[in-house]
C-alpha atoms as a PDB file:
ATOM      1  CA  MET A   1      11.255   7.407  -0.099  1.00  0.00           C
ATOM      2  CA  THR A   2       9.661   7.868   3.338  1.00  0.00           C
ATOM      3  CA  ASP A   3      10.046   5.155   5.964  1.00  0.00           C
ATOM      4  CA  LEU A   4       6.332   4.374   5.725  1.00  0.00           C
ATOM      5  CA  SER A   5       6.448   4.127   1.958  1.00  0.00           C
ATOM      6  CA  ALA A   6       9.519   1.879   2.110  1.00  0.00           C
ATOM      7  CA  LEU A   7       7.708  -0.489   4.479  1.00  0.00           C
ATOM      8  CA  LEU A   8       4.657  -0.456   2.259  1.00  0.00           C
ATOM      9  CA  ILE A   9       6.589  -1.096  -0.954  1.00  0.00           C
ATOM     10  CA  ALA A  10       8.456  -4.001   0.640  1.00  0.00           C
ATOM     11  CA  TRP A  11       5.126  -5.520   1.674  1.00  0.00           C
ATOM     12  CA  TYR A  12       3.668  -4.936  -1.802  1.00  0.00           C
ATOM     13  CA  ASP A  13       6.584  -6.687  -3.486  1.00  0.00           C
ATOM     14  CA  ARG A  14       5.711  -9.841  -1.550  1.00  0.00           C
ATOM     15  CA  HIS A  15       1.923  -9.646  -1.240  1.00  0.00           C
ATOM     16  CA  HIS A  16       0.557  -7.682  -4.225  1.00  0.00           C
ATOM     17  CA  ARG A  17      -2.702  -8.805  -5.818  1.00  0.00           C
ATOM     18  CA  ASP A  18      -2.554 -10.420  -9.245  1.00  0.00           C
ATOM     19  CA  LEU A  19      -4.980  -8.331 -11.319  1.00  0.00           C
ATOM     20  CA  PRO A  20      -5.555  -8.552 -15.097  1.00  0.00           C
ATOM     21  CA  TRP A  21      -4.755  -4.873 -15.693  1.00  0.00           C
ATOM     22  CA  ARG A  22      -1.678  -4.812 -13.489  1.00  0.00           C
ATOM     23  CA  VAL A  23       2.036  -5.288 -14.146  1.00  0.00           C
ATOM     24  CA  SER A  24       3.630  -7.106 -11.206  1.00  0.00           C
ATOM     25  CA  PRO A  25       6.499  -5.457  -9.274  1.00  0.00           C
ATOM     26  CA  ALA A  26       8.981  -8.014 -10.652  1.00  0.00           C
ATOM     27  CA  ALA A  27       7.849  -7.466 -14.235  1.00  0.00           C
ATOM     28  CA  HIS A  28       7.921  -3.701 -13.707  1.00  0.00           C
ATOM     29  CA  ALA A  29      11.478  -3.906 -12.360  1.00  0.00           C
ATOM     30  CA  ALA A  30      12.426  -5.940 -15.434  1.00  0.00           C
ATOM     31  CA  GLY A  31      11.240  -3.141 -17.711  1.00  0.00           C
ATOM     32  CA  GLN A  32       7.629  -4.029 -18.501  1.00  0.00           C
ATOM     33  CA  ARG A  33       5.382  -0.981 -18.442  1.00  0.00           C
ATOM     34  CA  PRO A  34       1.647  -0.950 -17.769  1.00  0.00           C
ATOM     35  CA  ASP A  35      -0.685  -0.331 -20.702  1.00  0.00           C
ATOM     36  CA  PRO A  36      -2.290   3.050 -19.961  1.00  0.00           C
ATOM     37  CA  TYR A  37      -5.467   1.954 -21.773  1.00  0.00           C
ATOM     38  CA  ARG A  38      -5.907  -1.012 -19.445  1.00  0.00           C
ATOM     39  CA  VAL A  39      -5.061   1.070 -16.377  1.00  0.00           C
ATOM     40  CA  TRP A  40      -7.555   3.774 -17.376  1.00  0.00           C
ATOM     41  CA  LEU A  41     -10.293   1.308 -18.274  1.00  0.00           C
ATOM     42  CA  SER A  42      -9.903  -0.575 -14.998  1.00  0.00           C
ATOM     43  CA  GLU A  43      -9.953   2.597 -12.921  1.00  0.00           C
ATOM     44  CA  VAL A  44     -13.145   3.838 -14.585  1.00  0.00           C
ATOM     45  CA  MET A  45     -14.793   0.450 -14.122  1.00  0.00           C
ATOM     46  CA  LEU A  46     -13.717   0.179 -10.483  1.00  0.00           C
ATOM     47  CA  GLN A  47     -15.372   3.413  -9.394  1.00  0.00           C
ATOM     48  CA  GLN A  48     -18.142   2.479  -6.946  1.00  0.00           C
ATOM     49  CA  THR A  49     -17.568  -1.207  -7.794  1.00  0.00           C
ATOM     50  CA  THR A  50     -15.456  -4.132  -6.571  1.00  0.00           C
ATOM     51  CA  VAL A  51     -12.616  -5.967  -8.283  1.00  0.00           C
ATOM     52  CA  ALA A  52     -14.666  -9.176  -8.275  1.00  0.00           C
ATOM     53  CA  ALA A  53     -17.557  -7.454 -10.069  1.00  0.00           C
ATOM     54  CA  VAL A  54     -15.318  -5.743 -12.617  1.00  0.00           C
ATOM     55  CA  THR A  55     -12.981  -8.547 -13.709  1.00  0.00           C
ATOM     56  CA  GLY A  56     -15.391 -10.248 -16.120  1.00  0.00           C
ATOM     57  CA  TYR A  57     -16.413  -6.939 -17.686  1.00  0.00           C
ATOM     58  CA  PHE A  58     -12.750  -5.970 -18.085  1.00  0.00           C
ATOM     59  CA  HIS A  59     -11.906  -9.195 -19.916  1.00  0.00           C
ATOM     60  CA  ARG A  60     -14.889  -8.816 -22.259  1.00  0.00           C
ATOM     61  CA  PHE A  61     -14.133  -5.158 -22.993  1.00  0.00           C
ATOM     62  CA  THR A  62     -10.454  -5.727 -23.741  1.00  0.00           C
ATOM     63  CA  ALA A  63     -11.203  -8.793 -25.881  1.00  0.00           C
ATOM     64  CA  ARG A  64     -13.683  -6.801 -27.943  1.00  0.00           C
ATOM     65  CA  TRP A  65     -11.852  -3.445 -27.907  1.00  0.00           C
ATOM     66  CA  PRO A  66      -8.159  -4.170 -27.229  1.00  0.00           C
ATOM     67  CA  ASP A  67      -6.957  -0.568 -27.397  1.00  0.00           C
ATOM     68  CA  VAL A  68      -8.261   2.957 -27.084  1.00  0.00           C
ATOM     69  CA  THR A  69      -8.586   3.426 -30.849  1.00  0.00           C
ATOM     70  CA  ALA A  70     -10.790   0.353 -31.151  1.00  0.00           C
ATOM     71  CA  LEU A  71     -12.973   1.613 -28.324  1.00  0.00           C
ATOM     72  CA  ALA A  72     -13.196   5.055 -29.924  1.00  0.00           C
ATOM     73  CA  GLU A  73     -14.596   3.459 -33.086  1.00  0.00           C
ATOM     74  CA  ALA A  74     -17.212   1.398 -31.232  1.00  0.00           C
ATOM     75  CA  GLU A  75     -20.932   2.082 -31.510  1.00  0.00           C
ATOM     76  CA  ASP A  76     -22.437   3.730 -28.453  1.00  0.00           C
ATOM     77  CA  ALA A  77     -25.146   1.091 -28.143  1.00  0.00           C
ATOM     78  CA  GLU A  78     -22.606  -1.740 -28.200  1.00  0.00           C
ATOM     79  CA  VAL A  79     -20.556  -0.205 -25.406  1.00  0.00           C
ATOM     80  CA  MET A  80     -23.669   0.509 -23.346  1.00  0.00           C
ATOM     81  CA  ALA A  81     -24.799  -3.090 -23.779  1.00  0.00           C
ATOM     82  CA  GLU A  82     -21.435  -4.433 -22.577  1.00  0.00           C
ATOM     83  CA  TRP A  83     -21.550  -2.009 -19.645  1.00  0.00           C
ATOM     84  CA  ALA A  84     -25.035  -3.115 -18.535  1.00  0.00           C
ATOM     85  CA  GLY A  85     -24.916  -4.308 -14.947  1.00  0.00           C
ATOM     86  CA  LEU A  86     -21.972  -2.148 -13.878  1.00  0.00           C
ATOM     87  CA  GLY A  87     -24.294   0.773 -13.189  1.00  0.00           C
ATOM     88  CA  TYR A  88     -23.478   4.501 -13.169  1.00  0.00           C
ATOM     89  CA  TYR A  89     -23.980   4.664 -16.936  1.00  0.00           C
ATOM     90  CA  ALA A  90     -22.567   8.175 -17.195  1.00  0.00           C
ATOM     91  CA  ARG A  91     -19.172   6.495 -16.779  1.00  0.00           C
ATOM     92  CA  ALA A  92     -19.719   4.507 -19.976  1.00  0.00           C
ATOM     93  CA  ARG A  93     -20.676   7.646 -21.887  1.00  0.00           C
ATOM     94  CA  ASN A  94     -17.606   9.450 -20.536  1.00  0.00           C
ATOM     95  CA  LEU A  95     -15.482   6.425 -21.412  1.00  0.00           C
ATOM     96  CA  LEU A  96     -16.440   6.819 -25.063  1.00  0.00           C
ATOM     97  CA  ARG A  97     -15.978  10.601 -25.018  1.00  0.00           C
ATOM     98  CA  CYS A  98     -12.504  10.209 -23.591  1.00  0.00           C
ATOM     99  CA  ALA A  99     -11.493   7.417 -25.978  1.00  0.00           C
ATOM    100  CA  ARG A 100     -12.601   9.485 -28.958  1.00  0.00           C
ATOM    101  CA  ALA A 101     -10.719  12.540 -27.708  1.00  0.00           C
ATOM    102  CA  ILE A 102      -7.518  10.512 -27.256  1.00  0.00           C
ATOM    103  CA  SER A 103      -7.941   9.020 -30.727  1.00  0.00           C
ATOM    104  CA  ALA A 104      -8.776  12.301 -32.480  1.00  0.00           C
ATOM    105  CA  GLU A 105      -6.594  14.757 -30.573  1.00  0.00           C
ATOM    106  CA  HIS A 106      -3.660  12.646 -29.372  1.00  0.00           C
ATOM    107  CA  GLY A 107      -3.262  10.100 -32.166  1.00  0.00           C
ATOM    108  CA  GLY A 108      -4.447   7.270 -29.945  1.00  0.00           C
ATOM    109  CA  VAL A 109      -1.648   7.879 -27.419  1.00  0.00           C
ATOM    110  CA  PHE A 110      -2.453   8.655 -23.785  1.00  0.00           C
ATOM    111  CA  PRO A 111      -0.998  11.869 -22.367  1.00  0.00           C
ATOM    112  CA  GLN A 112       1.441  11.133 -19.548  1.00  0.00           C
ATOM    113  CA  THR A 113       1.044  13.966 -17.057  1.00  0.00           C
ATOM    114  CA  GLU A 114      -1.699  14.393 -14.516  1.00  0.00           C
ATOM    115  CA  ALA A 115      -2.585  17.837 -15.880  1.00  0.00           C
ATOM    116  CA  GLU A 116      -2.880  16.600 -19.474  1.00  0.00           C
ATOM    117  CA  LEU A 117      -4.970  13.627 -18.417  1.00  0.00           C
ATOM    118  CA  ARG A 118      -7.214  15.879 -16.366  1.00  0.00           C
ATOM    119  CA  ALA A 119      -7.920  17.942 -19.506  1.00  0.00           C
ATOM    120  CA  LEU A 120      -9.525  14.942 -21.224  1.00  0.00           C
ATOM    121  CA  PRO A 121     -13.316  14.657 -21.125  1.00  0.00           C
ATOM    122  CA  GLY A 122     -14.659  12.390 -18.422  1.00  0.00           C
ATOM    123  CA  ILE A 123     -11.404  12.137 -16.449  1.00  0.00           C
ATOM    124  CA  GLY A 124     -11.554  13.593 -12.952  1.00  0.00           C
ATOM    125  CA  PRO A 125      -8.802  14.222 -10.383  1.00  0.00           C
ATOM    126  CA  TYR A 126      -8.698  10.652  -9.058  1.00  0.00           C
ATOM    127  CA  THR A 127      -8.545   8.897 -12.447  1.00  0.00           C
ATOM    128  CA  ALA A 128      -5.959  11.352 -13.771  1.00  0.00           C
ATOM    129  CA  ALA A 129      -3.745  10.768 -10.732  1.00  0.00           C
ATOM    130  CA  ALA A 130      -4.162   6.981 -10.917  1.00  0.00           C
ATOM    131  CA  VAL A 131      -3.265   6.745 -14.618  1.00  0.00           C
ATOM    132  CA  ALA A 132      -0.342   9.169 -14.243  1.00  0.00           C
ATOM    133  CA  ALA A 133       1.083   7.245 -11.293  1.00  0.00           C
ATOM    134  CA  ILE A 134       0.395   3.640 -12.308  1.00  0.00           C
ATOM    135  CA  ALA A 135       0.904   3.841 -16.072  1.00  0.00           C
ATOM    136  CA  PHE A 136       3.635   6.498 -16.225  1.00  0.00           C
ATOM    137  CA  ASP A 137       5.264   6.470 -12.758  1.00  0.00           C
ATOM    138  CA  GLN A 138       4.455  10.121 -12.169  1.00  0.00           C
ATOM    139  CA  PRO A 139       4.517  11.108  -8.460  1.00  0.00           C
ATOM    140  CA  ALA A 140       0.768  11.770  -8.415  1.00  0.00           C
ATOM    141  CA  VAL A 141      -1.207  11.435  -5.191  1.00  0.00           C
ATOM    142  CA  VAL A 142      -3.840   8.721  -5.630  1.00  0.00           C
ATOM    143  CA  VAL A 143      -6.654   8.685  -3.071  1.00  0.00           C
ATOM    144  CA  ASP A 144      -9.568   6.288  -3.411  1.00  0.00           C
ATOM    145  CA  GLY A 145     -11.832   4.835  -0.713  1.00  0.00           C
ATOM    146  CA  ASN A 146      -9.209   2.301   0.336  1.00  0.00           C
ATOM    147  CA  VAL A 147      -6.551   4.989   0.681  1.00  0.00           C
ATOM    148  CA  GLU A 148      -8.917   7.238   2.631  1.00  0.00           C
ATOM    149  CA  ARG A 149      -9.438   4.440   5.124  1.00  0.00           C
ATOM    150  CA  VAL A 150      -5.717   3.667   5.477  1.00  0.00           C
ATOM    151  CA  ILE A 151      -4.720   7.309   5.939  1.00  0.00           C
ATOM    152  CA  SER A 152      -7.591   8.051   8.332  1.00  0.00           C
ATOM    153  CA  ARG A 153      -6.542   5.192  10.586  1.00  0.00           C
ATOM    154  CA  LEU A 154      -2.809   5.684  10.232  1.00  0.00           C
ATOM    155  CA  PHE A 155      -3.025   9.308  11.398  1.00  0.00           C
ATOM    156  CA  ARG A 156      -6.266   8.913  13.383  1.00  0.00           C
ATOM    157  CA  ILE A 157      -7.975  11.782  11.593  1.00  0.00           C
ATOM    158  CA  GLU A 158     -10.979  12.867  13.638  1.00  0.00           C
ATOM    159  CA  THR A 159     -12.580  15.100  11.000  1.00  0.00           C
ATOM    160  CA  PRO A 160     -15.445  13.200   9.360  1.00  0.00           C
ATOM    161  CA  LEU A 161     -15.672  12.573   5.645  1.00  0.00           C
ATOM    162  CA  PRO A 162     -16.114  14.335   3.326  1.00  0.00           C
ATOM    163  CA  ARG A 163     -14.609  17.310   5.211  1.00  0.00           C
ATOM    164  CA  ALA A 164     -11.503  15.232   5.952  1.00  0.00           C
ATOM    165  CA  LYS A 165     -10.590  14.854   2.281  1.00  0.00           C
ATOM    166  CA  PRO A 166      -8.129  17.808   2.126  1.00  0.00           C
ATOM    167  CA  GLU A 167      -6.231  16.585   5.200  1.00  0.00           C
ATOM    168  CA  ILE A 168      -6.222  13.013   3.907  1.00  0.00           C
ATOM    169  CA  GLY A 169      -4.839  14.292   0.600  1.00  0.00           C
ATOM    170  CA  ARG A 170      -2.046  16.186   2.364  1.00  0.00           C
ATOM    171  CA  ARG A 171      -1.101  13.161   4.445  1.00  0.00           C
ATOM    172  CA  ALA A 172      -1.163  10.910   1.384  1.00  0.00           C
ATOM    173  CA  ALA A 173       1.029  13.387  -0.509  1.00  0.00           C
ATOM    174  CA  GLY A 174       3.544  13.296   2.330  1.00  0.00           C
ATOM    175  CA  MET A 175       3.822   9.533   1.933  1.00  0.00           C
ATOM    176  CA  THR A 176       4.035   9.469  -1.877  1.00  0.00           C
ATOM    177  CA  PRO A 177       7.624   8.763  -2.978  1.00  0.00           C
ATOM    178  CA  SER A 178       9.374  10.031  -6.082  1.00  0.00           C
ATOM    179  CA  MET A 179      10.658   6.510  -6.756  1.00  0.00           C
ATOM    180  CA  ARG A 180       8.106   3.824  -7.710  1.00  0.00           C
ATOM    181  CA  PRO A 181       5.070   6.081  -7.150  1.00  0.00           C
ATOM    182  CA  GLY A 182       2.897   3.750  -9.236  1.00  0.00           C
ATOM    183  CA  ASP A 183       3.732   0.739  -7.083  1.00  0.00           C
ATOM    184  CA  HIS A 184       3.206   2.882  -3.990  1.00  0.00           C
ATOM    185  CA  ALA A 185      -0.288   3.868  -5.187  1.00  0.00           C
ATOM    186  CA  GLN A 186      -1.195   0.249  -5.876  1.00  0.00           C
ATOM    187  CA  ALA A 187       0.281  -0.840  -2.567  1.00  0.00           C
ATOM    188  CA  MET A 188      -1.952   1.623  -0.722  1.00  0.00           C
ATOM    189  CA  MET A 189      -4.975   0.282  -2.590  1.00  0.00           C
ATOM    190  CA  ASP A 190      -4.018  -3.327  -1.872  1.00  0.00           C
ATOM    191  CA  LEU A 191      -3.420  -2.602   1.805  1.00  0.00           C
ATOM    192  CA  GLY A 192      -6.897  -1.116   2.120  1.00  0.00           C
ATOM    193  CA  ALA A 193      -8.507  -3.935   0.135  1.00  0.00           C
ATOM    194  CA  THR A 194      -6.825  -6.874   1.874  1.00  0.00           C
ATOM    195  CA  ILE A 195      -5.520  -5.795   5.307  1.00  0.00           C
ATOM    196  CA  CYS A 196      -6.969  -2.436   6.377  1.00  0.00           C
ATOM    197  CA  THR A 197     -10.508  -3.509   5.551  1.00  0.00           C
ATOM    198  CA  PRO A 198     -13.658  -1.686   6.679  1.00  0.00           C
ATOM    199  CA  ARG A 199     -14.547  -4.438   9.178  1.00  0.00           C
ATOM    200  CA  ASN A 200     -12.183  -6.742  11.047  1.00  0.00           C
ATOM    201  CA  PRO A 201      -8.918  -5.245   9.775  1.00  0.00           C
ATOM    202  CA  ALA A 202      -5.934  -7.593  10.072  1.00  0.00           C
ATOM    203  CA  CYS A 203      -3.858  -5.172  12.109  1.00  0.00           C
ATOM    204  CA  ALA A 204      -1.557  -7.925  13.405  1.00  0.00           C
ATOM    205  CA  ILE A 205      -0.055  -8.464   9.928  1.00  0.00           C
ATOM    206  CA  CYS A 206      -0.188  -4.873   8.663  1.00  0.00           C
ATOM    207  CA  PRO A 207       3.209  -3.549   7.508  1.00  0.00           C
ATOM    208  CA  LEU A 208       2.338  -0.117   8.961  1.00  0.00           C
ATOM    209  CA  ARG A 209       1.123  -1.491  12.309  1.00  0.00           C
ATOM    210  CA  GLU A 210       3.808   0.131  14.449  1.00  0.00           C
ATOM    211  CA  ALA A 211       3.121   3.573  12.979  1.00  0.00           C
ATOM    212  CA  CYS A 212      -0.694   3.408  13.030  1.00  0.00           C
ATOM    213  CA  ALA A 213      -2.229   5.790  15.566  1.00  0.00           C
ATOM    214  CA  ALA A 214      -5.671   4.150  15.465  1.00  0.00           C
ATOM    215  CA  GLN A 215      -4.240   0.671  15.984  1.00  0.00           C
ATOM    216  CA  ALA A 216      -2.286   1.930  18.993  1.00  0.00           C
ATOM    217  CA  VAL A 217      -5.503   3.152  20.618  1.00  0.00           C
ATOM    218  CA  GLY A 218      -7.445   0.092  19.480  1.00  0.00           C
ATOM    219  CA  ASP A 219     -10.225   1.887  17.617  1.00  0.00           C
ATOM    220  CA  ALA A 220      -9.232   1.387  13.972  1.00  0.00           C
ATOM    221  CA  THR A 221     -12.717   0.301  12.906  1.00  0.00           C
ATOM    222  CA  SER A 222     -14.167   3.657  13.946  1.00  0.00           C
ATOM    223  CA  PHE A 223     -12.171   5.361  11.188  1.00  0.00           C
ATOM    224  CA  PRO A 224     -12.684   7.057   8.862  1.00  0.00           C
ATOM    225  CA  ARG A 225     -15.162   9.158  10.758  1.00  0.00           C
ATOM    226  CA  LYS A 226     -18.313   9.783   8.758  1.00  0.00           C
ATOM    227  CA  ALA A 227     -20.931  12.474   9.069  1.00  0.00           C
ATOM    228  CA  PRO A 228     -24.492  11.143   9.523  1.00  0.00           C
ATOM    229  CA  ARG A 229     -26.106  10.368   6.196  1.00  0.00           C
ATOM    230  CA  ALA A 230     -29.440  11.843   5.268  1.00  0.00           C
ATOM    231  CA  ALA A 231     -32.085   9.284   4.398  1.00  0.00           C
ATOM    232  CA  LYS A 232     -32.448   8.707   0.675  1.00  0.00           C
ATOM    233  CA  PRO A 233     -35.670  10.068  -0.770  1.00  0.00           C
ATOM    234  CA  GLU A 234     -38.257   7.755  -2.304  1.00  0.00           C
ATOM    235  CA  ARG A 235     -39.498   8.011  -5.881  1.00  0.00           C
ATOM    236  CA  GLU A 236     -42.307   6.173  -7.617  1.00  0.00           C
ATOM    237  CA  GLY A 237     -43.215   5.594 -11.243  1.00  0.00           C
ATOM    238  CA  THR A 238     -44.821   3.323 -13.795  1.00  0.00           C
ATOM    239  CA  LEU A 239     -43.204   0.905 -16.237  1.00  0.00           C
ATOM    240  CA  TRP A 240     -44.973  -0.601 -19.254  1.00  0.00           C
ATOM    241  CA  LEU A 241     -43.790  -3.918 -20.650  1.00  0.00           C
ATOM    242  CA  VAL A 242     -45.439  -4.660 -24.019  1.00  0.00           C
ATOM    243  CA  GLN A 243     -45.068  -7.707 -26.221  1.00  0.00           C
ATOM    244  CA  ARG A 244     -46.552  -8.375 -29.635  1.00  0.00           C
ATOM    245  CA  PRO A 245     -48.085 -11.799 -30.322  1.00  0.00           C
ATOM    246  CA  ASP A 246     -44.913 -12.682 -32.272  1.00  0.00           C
ATOM    247  CA  GLY A 247     -42.772 -12.055 -29.179  1.00  0.00           C
ATOM    248  CA  ALA A 248     -41.317  -8.650 -30.140  1.00  0.00           C
ATOM    249  CA  ILE A 249     -40.633  -6.356 -27.174  1.00  0.00           C
ATOM    250  CA  LEU A 250     -41.309  -2.624 -26.993  1.00  0.00           C
ATOM    251  CA  LEU A 251     -38.169  -0.690 -26.058  1.00  0.00           C
ATOM    252  CA  GLU A 252     -37.248   2.969 -26.142  1.00  0.00           C
ATOM    253  CA  GLU A 253     -33.905   4.721 -25.982  1.00  0.00           C
ATOM    254  CA  ARG A 254     -33.611   7.073 -23.058  1.00  0.00           C
ATOM    255  CA  PRO A 255     -32.341  10.647 -23.555  1.00  0.00           C
ATOM    256  CA  ALA A 256     -28.559  10.948 -23.779  1.00  0.00           C
ATOM    257  CA  LYS A 257     -28.411  13.054 -20.635  1.00  0.00           C
ATOM    258  CA  GLY A 258     -29.881  12.130 -17.299  1.00  0.00           C
ATOM    259  CA  LEU A 259     -30.486   8.851 -15.504  1.00  0.00           C
ATOM    260  CA  LEU A 260     -29.624   5.774 -17.573  1.00  0.00           C
ATOM    261  CA  GLY A 261     -28.782   8.156 -20.398  1.00  0.00           C
ATOM    262  CA  GLY A 262     -28.541   6.609 -23.840  1.00  0.00           C
ATOM    263  CA  MET A 263     -29.671   3.198 -22.598  1.00  0.00           C
ATOM    264  CA  SER A 264     -32.496   1.136 -24.064  1.00  0.00           C
ATOM    265  CA  GLY A 265     -35.268   0.083 -21.736  1.00  0.00           C
ATOM    266  CA  PHE A 266     -38.991  -0.284 -21.264  1.00  0.00           C
ATOM    267  CA  PRO A 267     -41.151   2.870 -21.414  1.00  0.00           C
ATOM    268  CA  THR A 268     -41.579   4.490 -17.995  1.00  0.00           C
ATOM    269  CA  THR A 269     -42.895   7.678 -16.467  1.00  0.00           C
ATOM    270  CA  GLY A 270     -43.146   9.552 -13.211  1.00  0.00           C
ATOM    271  CA  TRP A 271     -39.822   8.798 -11.541  1.00  0.00           C
ATOM    272  CA  ASP A 272     -37.430  10.806 -13.707  1.00  0.00           C
ATOM    273  CA  GLY A 273     -39.232  14.103 -14.092  1.00  0.00           C
ATOM    274  CA  THR A 274     -41.524  12.908 -16.886  1.00  0.00           C
ATOM    275  CA  ASP A 275     -45.327  12.721 -16.928  1.00  0.00           C
ATOM    276  CA  LEU A 276     -46.106  10.571 -19.949  1.00  0.00           C
ATOM    277  CA  PRO A 277     -49.092   8.410 -20.903  1.00  0.00           C
ATOM    278  CA  ALA A 278     -48.895   4.710 -21.716  1.00  0.00           C
ATOM    279  CA  PRO A 279     -46.986   4.084 -24.961  1.00  0.00           C
ATOM    280  CA  LEU A 280     -50.095   2.620 -26.603  1.00  0.00           C
ATOM    281  CA  ALA A 281     -53.678   1.698 -25.829  1.00  0.00           C
ATOM    282  CA  ALA A 282     -53.981  -1.824 -24.416  1.00  0.00           C
ATOM    283  CA  GLU A 283     -55.607  -3.935 -21.727  1.00  0.00           C
ATOM    284  CA  TRP A 284     -52.991  -3.468 -19.060  1.00  0.00           C
ATOM    285  CA  GLN A 285     -52.446  -5.950 -16.251  1.00  0.00           C
ATOM    286  CA  THR A 286     -50.635  -5.025 -13.058  1.00  0.00           C
ATOM    287  CA  MET A 287     -47.832  -7.490 -12.402  1.00  0.00           C
ATOM    288  CA  GLY A 288     -46.557  -5.962  -9.170  1.00  0.00           C
ATOM    289  CA  GLU A 289     -43.707  -3.674  -8.170  1.00  0.00           C
ATOM    290  CA  VAL A 290     -39.936  -3.646  -8.514  1.00  0.00           C
ATOM    291  CA  ARG A 291     -37.647  -1.711  -6.240  1.00  0.00           C
ATOM    292  CA  HIS A 292     -34.210  -0.376  -7.093  1.00  0.00           C
ATOM    293  CA  THR A 293     -31.767   1.925  -5.340  1.00  0.00           C
ATOM    294  CA  PHE A 294     -29.809   4.560  -7.237  1.00  0.00           C
ATOM    295  CA  THR A 295     -27.033   6.672  -5.766  1.00  0.00           C
ATOM    296  CA  HIS A 296     -29.325   9.396  -4.479  1.00  0.00           C
ATOM    297  CA  PHE A 297     -32.765   7.812  -4.131  1.00  0.00           C
ATOM    298  CA  HIS A 298     -34.845   4.656  -3.814  1.00  0.00           C
ATOM    299  CA  LEU A 299     -37.212   3.843  -6.675  1.00  0.00           C
ATOM    300  CA  THR A 300     -40.419   1.807  -6.756  1.00  0.00           C
ATOM    301  CA  LEU A 301     -41.920   1.088 -10.180  1.00  0.00           C
ATOM    302  CA  THR A 302     -45.377  -0.343 -10.732  1.00  0.00           C
ATOM    303  CA  VAL A 303     -45.073  -2.790 -13.619  1.00  0.00           C
ATOM    304  CA  LEU A 304     -47.911  -3.056 -16.131  1.00  0.00           C
ATOM    305  CA  THR A 305     -47.875  -5.558 -18.972  1.00  0.00           C
ATOM    306  CA  ALA A 306     -49.923  -6.222 -22.102  1.00  0.00           C
ATOM    307  CA  THR A 307     -49.868  -8.037 -25.414  1.00  0.00           C
ATOM    308  CA  SER A 308     -50.660  -5.721 -28.314  1.00  0.00           C
ATOM    309  CA  GLN A 309     -50.164  -5.228 -32.035  1.00  0.00           C
ATOM    310  CA  GLY A 310     -50.828  -1.498 -31.785  1.00  0.00           C
ATOM    311  CA  ASN A 311     -48.518   1.246 -32.992  1.00  0.00           C
ATOM    312  CA  PRO A 312     -46.612   2.750 -30.057  1.00  0.00           C
ATOM    313  CA  GLN A 313     -46.502   6.504 -29.527  1.00  0.00           C
ATOM    314  CA  ARG A 314     -42.898   6.172 -28.461  1.00  0.00           C
ATOM    315  CA  GLY A 315     -40.250   3.499 -28.708  1.00  0.00           C
ATOM    316  CA  ALA A 316     -40.113   0.623 -31.198  1.00  0.00           C
ATOM    317  CA  PHE A 317     -40.676  -3.106 -31.158  1.00  0.00           C
ATOM    318  CA  VAL A 318     -37.510  -5.202 -31.132  1.00  0.00           C
ATOM    319  CA  PRO A 319     -37.751  -8.760 -32.544  1.00  0.00           C
ATOM    320  CA  HIS A 320     -37.610 -11.402 -29.866  1.00  0.00           C
ATOM    321  CA  ALA A 321     -34.470 -12.923 -31.402  1.00  0.00           C
ATOM    322  CA  ALA A 322     -32.654  -9.586 -31.082  1.00  0.00           C
ATOM    323  CA  PHE A 323     -33.787  -8.930 -27.517  1.00  0.00           C
ATOM    324  CA  SER A 324     -31.472  -9.788 -24.615  1.00  0.00           C
ATOM    325  CA  PRO A 325     -32.579  -8.991 -21.049  1.00  0.00           C
ATOM    326  CA  ALA A 326     -28.909  -9.110 -20.013  1.00  0.00           C
ATOM    327  CA  ASN A 327     -28.290  -5.898 -21.993  1.00  0.00           C
ATOM    328  CA  LEU A 328     -30.874  -3.957 -19.996  1.00  0.00           C
ATOM    329  CA  PRO A 329     -30.015  -1.763 -17.005  1.00  0.00           C
ATOM    330  CA  THR A 330     -30.636  -3.576 -13.727  1.00  0.00           C
ATOM    331  CA  VAL A 331     -33.918  -1.865 -12.896  1.00  0.00           C
ATOM    332  CA  PHE A 332     -35.402  -2.988 -16.224  1.00  0.00           C
ATOM    333  CA  ARG A 333     -34.077  -6.515 -15.806  1.00  0.00           C
ATOM    334  CA  LYS A 334     -35.915  -6.669 -12.500  1.00  0.00           C
ATOM    335  CA  ALA A 335     -39.156  -5.745 -14.266  1.00  0.00           C
ATOM    336  CA  TRP A 336     -38.532  -8.389 -16.947  1.00  0.00           C
ATOM    337  CA  ASP A 337     -37.845 -11.039 -14.305  1.00  0.00           C
ATOM    338  CA  LEU A 338     -41.031 -10.089 -12.449  1.00  0.00           C
ATOM    339  CA  CYS A 339     -43.125 -10.546 -15.586  1.00  0.00           C
ATOM    340  CA  ALA A 340     -41.335 -13.753 -16.534  1.00  0.00           C
ATOM    341  CA  LYS A 341     -42.166 -15.243 -13.139  1.00  0.00           C
ATOM    342  CA  GLY A 342     -45.756 -14.055 -13.395  1.00  0.00           C
END
């Protein structure tokens, strides 16, 4: 174990976060092993999201689908509905693909090596390394946003992201020990989340303070360096919200591939490469606009609403009792809220 890793592990033993998917250092030392299903599920959920945002979703998922076999047998629509609000819906589709592959091809047992995990559908380099290290104590190099920040400051890496990623990976590999690599990976994450934060890092209580090149110079907050970001493009479109007199709502299932793939929502056009007419003939009223930001663009949707008993050209009416706005993707919930206020 390197000197830096030893310092970090000692700090982690005393100050680790208590997380619902985690086995504490003391429990791990006593022989308790992490559940790879819970580790994998948490890592997929945490991509582009915070622990605070994920915790409730994690509890609901594991209560409803307590193991990978149960998740593999779940209906797509049910999983998508539980995922609503976490965003990046391709992750939910990949979650199901991976669960079904583990169930069908591995008897419901997670592979233990990074290479085997990487071969599963929907598992990329980061998730494979995290599951291998945390669940199976493999000496995999785990680098997320927190680790990038810690390593960039510790070694004062001047190359901006994303070009710095190879160097950050090499430095992180040099710190990864053969003993307790899972605790080391979690310690790096915890250090970045609680001490080496993006703004106002608590350098005075950092276990790696004496070795940190950026702290020595006093410019830790300027790392990691980042290349200037291009402005996100703007997209516009139209959304139709239709109700029947009995309260039923018109919804359509989006194509499996593409933005919000496989999700149910209100009929739209114009923003996602489509050029479609209104779903039915009606006296449309303009309710206003909703704005939403996706990873690569900003979206403005003009919201039109109507009450109609006509037969839609696409989509289907869902009885009011079966309709839950909470199950809609965020952009559609915004449109619903706009109409509800109007």
